[in-house]
Amino acid sequence: MSAVGQLRMRSFDWEDPAATAAAGTELSGIEFMRAIVDGSLPPPPIARLMGFSIVEVDLGMAVFAVEPAEWMYNPIGSVHGGIAATLLDSCMGCAVHSTLWAGVGYTTTDMQVRYIRAMSTDTGRVLAEGRVVHGGRRTATAEGRLLTEDGGTLLAHATTGCVILR
């Protein structure tokens, strides 16, 4: 038992990520993302761990959602900025992925996040919207916005660069 209060626990499960990745090599990026959205393919372990989901995807665009929870809190009583950064990295990366051909991958090279407002359990569900700004043969860039679902209040915004892996 903690000196401050009752100990809380959290657990999660996931499917084999290697099997999902292998299935993805046969699909274009947009087909792969849509298969995760519709449940034909399982979400990656990071989505299960963090409690977020892909709720919408289109060519060059991806939207993730999460309900801020107490287990995400930092020592000062708000959701840790790493949650926002992970959501933004994910939605921007998946926006880039949605533009790629089958068998082509990507990885983030850099990311800049600007935090505007703190999140808490009172914030309600939030949406991270990623959009491709530039899609090239070797690099891609994207921007993302983290917003409250109920009113579209801006919580954070970001930009990223990705290298395309052929």
Protein backbone atom coordinates (compact mmCIF):
# COMPACT_ATOMS: atom_id res chain seq x y z
CA MET A 1 0.00 0.00 0.00
CA SER A 2 1.22 3.48 -0.89
CA ALA A 3 1.86 6.03 1.83
CA VAL A 4 -0.53 8.39 0.00
CA GLY A 5 -3.45 6.13 -0.93
CA GLN A 6 -4.73 2.84 -2.20
CA LEU A 7 -2.61 1.09 -4.83
CA ARG A 8 -4.28 0.83 -8.24
CA MET A 9 -3.50 -1.71 -10.98
CA ARG A 10 -3.90 -1.81 -14.74
CA SER A 11 -3.33 -4.61 -17.25
CA PHE A 12 -3.74 -5.06 -20.99
CA ASP A 13 -3.51 -7.71 -23.67
CA TRP A 14 -2.38 -7.67 -27.30
CA GLU A 15 -1.99 -9.81 -30.40
CA ASP A 16 1.29 -10.84 -32.02
CA PRO A 17 2.66 -7.64 -33.65
CA ALA A 18 4.90 -9.61 -36.03
CA ALA A 19 1.85 -11.32 -37.57
CA THR A 20 0.10 -7.98 -38.07
CA ALA A 21 3.22 -6.40 -39.58
CA ALA A 22 3.64 -9.37 -41.95
CA ALA A 23 0.02 -9.08 -43.08
CA GLY A 24 0.62 -5.37 -43.66
CA THR A 25 3.40 -5.95 -46.18
CA GLU A 26 0.81 -7.25 -48.63
CA LEU A 27 -1.44 -4.18 -48.29
CA SER A 28 -1.05 -0.57 -49.30
CA GLY A 29 -0.75 1.83 -46.38
CA ILE A 30 -4.38 2.97 -46.67
CA GLU A 31 -5.61 -0.65 -46.89
CA PHE A 32 -3.52 -1.57 -43.84
CA MET A 33 -4.82 1.37 -41.78
CA ARG A 34 -8.44 0.66 -42.82
CA ALA A 35 -8.02 -3.00 -41.81
CA ILE A 36 -7.03 -1.87 -38.31
CA VAL A 37 -9.94 0.59 -38.12
CA ASP A 38 -12.51 -2.04 -39.19
CA GLY A 39 -11.02 -4.75 -36.95
CA SER A 40 -9.79 -7.05 -39.75
CA LEU A 41 -6.32 -6.59 -38.28
CA PRO A 42 -5.65 -6.02 -34.58
CA PRO A 43 -4.34 -2.72 -33.28
CA PRO A 44 -0.65 -2.56 -32.39
CA PRO A 45 0.40 -3.26 -28.79
CA ILE A 46 1.17 0.44 -28.17
CA ALA A 47 -2.48 1.30 -28.86
CA ARG A 48 -3.63 -1.32 -26.34
CA LEU A 49 -1.08 -0.14 -23.77
CA MET A 50 -2.02 3.54 -24.12
CA GLY A 51 -5.76 2.93 -24.51
CA PHE A 52 -6.11 4.72 -27.82
CA SER A 53 -7.69 3.73 -31.11
CA ILE A 54 -7.67 4.78 -34.75
CA VAL A 55 -11.16 6.10 -35.41
CA GLU A 56 -10.80 7.46 -38.95
CA VAL A 57 -8.35 7.16 -41.81
CA ASP A 58 -8.26 8.46 -45.35
CA LEU A 59 -5.50 9.10 -47.85
CA GLY A 60 -3.02 11.40 -46.09
CA MET A 61 -5.09 11.67 -42.88
CA ALA A 62 -5.54 9.69 -39.66
CA VAL A 63 -7.51 10.39 -36.47
CA PHE A 64 -6.81 8.74 -33.12
CA ALA A 65 -8.92 8.95 -29.96
CA VAL A 66 -8.23 8.44 -26.26
CA GLU A 67 -10.01 9.08 -22.98
CA PRO A 68 -7.51 10.66 -20.55
CA ALA A 69 -7.22 8.48 -17.45
CA GLU A 70 -5.73 8.74 -13.99
CA TRP A 71 -2.96 6.23 -14.76
CA MET A 72 -1.61 8.74 -17.35
CA TYR A 73 -0.94 11.38 -14.69
CA ASN A 74 2.45 12.89 -13.95
CA PRO A 75 3.51 13.87 -10.40
CA ILE A 76 1.83 17.30 -10.62
CA GLY A 77 -1.64 15.91 -11.27
CA SER A 78 -2.19 16.24 -15.02
CA VAL A 79 -1.81 13.89 -17.97
CA HIS A 80 1.87 13.45 -18.84
CA GLY A 81 2.96 15.27 -22.02
CA GLY A 82 4.28 11.98 -23.38
CA ILE A 83 0.68 10.84 -23.90
CA ALA A 84 0.01 13.84 -26.16
CA ALA A 85 3.34 13.33 -27.94
CA THR A 86 2.64 9.64 -28.52
CA LEU A 87 -0.83 10.37 -29.90
CA LEU A 88 0.52 13.07 -32.20
CA ASP A 89 3.43 10.89 -33.38
CA SER A 90 0.97 8.07 -34.07
CA CYS A 91 -1.64 10.08 -35.99
CA MET A 92 0.98 11.90 -38.08
CA GLY A 93 2.90 8.68 -38.80
CA CYS A 94 -0.26 6.83 -39.79
CA ALA A 95 -1.27 9.74 -42.03
CA VAL A 96 2.07 9.27 -43.83
CA HIS A 97 1.63 5.48 -43.84
CA SER A 98 -1.76 5.84 -45.52
CA THR A 99 -0.02 7.28 -48.61
CA LEU A 100 2.50 4.45 -49.07
CA TRP A 101 2.47 1.47 -51.42
CA ALA A 102 2.44 -2.13 -50.20
CA GLY A 103 5.80 -3.17 -48.76
CA VAL A 104 6.98 0.43 -48.21
CA GLY A 105 7.59 1.57 -44.63
CA TYR A 106 8.52 4.74 -42.80
CA THR A 107 9.93 5.93 -39.52
CA THR A 108 9.84 9.25 -37.70
CA THR A 109 13.04 11.27 -37.99
CA ASP A 110 12.00 14.22 -35.84
CA MET A 111 8.99 15.77 -34.16
CA GLN A 112 8.19 19.18 -32.69
CA VAL A 113 5.34 19.42 -30.17
CA ARG A 114 3.79 22.58 -28.76
CA TYR A 115 1.68 22.03 -25.65
CA ILE A 116 -1.17 24.54 -25.29
CA ARG A 117 -3.40 23.19 -22.48
CA ALA A 118 -3.08 20.43 -19.90
CA MET A 119 -5.24 17.30 -20.00
CA SER A 120 -6.93 15.57 -17.07
CA THR A 121 -9.70 13.08 -16.50
CA ASP A 122 -12.08 16.06 -16.70
CA THR A 123 -10.98 16.87 -20.27
CA GLY A 124 -13.08 14.09 -21.79
CA ARG A 125 -12.21 12.16 -24.91
CA VAL A 126 -9.58 13.78 -27.12
CA LEU A 127 -8.86 13.41 -30.83
CA ALA A 128 -5.45 13.57 -32.49
CA GLU A 129 -5.75 14.49 -36.17
CA GLY A 130 -2.75 13.99 -38.45
CA ARG A 131 -2.43 15.25 -42.03
CA VAL A 132 0.36 14.87 -44.58
CA VAL A 133 1.89 18.16 -45.68
CA HIS A 134 4.45 16.71 -48.11
CA GLY A 135 4.74 13.16 -49.40
CA GLY A 136 7.93 12.53 -51.34
CA ARG A 137 9.88 9.48 -52.47
CA ARG A 138 12.43 9.73 -49.63
CA THR A 139 10.82 11.94 -47.01
CA ALA A 140 7.39 13.01 -45.87
CA THR A 141 6.18 15.67 -43.48
CA ALA A 142 2.95 15.91 -41.55
CA GLU A 143 1.22 18.08 -38.99
CA GLY A 144 -1.05 17.10 -36.14
CA ARG A 145 -3.52 18.68 -33.76
CA LEU A 146 -4.75 17.33 -30.43
CA LEU A 147 -8.27 18.57 -29.69
CA THR A 148 -11.04 17.96 -27.18
CA GLU A 149 -13.81 15.96 -28.83
CA ASP A 150 -16.61 17.92 -27.19
CA GLY A 151 -15.64 21.37 -28.35
CA GLY A 152 -12.51 21.22 -30.43
CA THR A 153 -10.35 23.05 -27.89
CA LEU A 154 -6.72 22.88 -28.99
CA LEU A 155 -4.53 21.02 -26.47
CA ALA A 156 -1.33 20.62 -28.51
CA HIS A 157 -0.07 20.71 -32.08
CA ALA A 158 2.95 19.18 -33.79
CA THR A 159 4.94 18.66 -36.94
CA THR A 160 7.00 15.67 -37.99
CA GLY A 161 9.42 14.43 -40.59
CA CYS A 162 9.53 10.82 -41.73
CA VAL A 163 12.00 8.89 -43.84
CA ILE A 164 10.42 6.55 -46.40
CA LEU A 165 11.89 3.01 -46.26
CA ARG A 166 11.80 1.19 -49.60
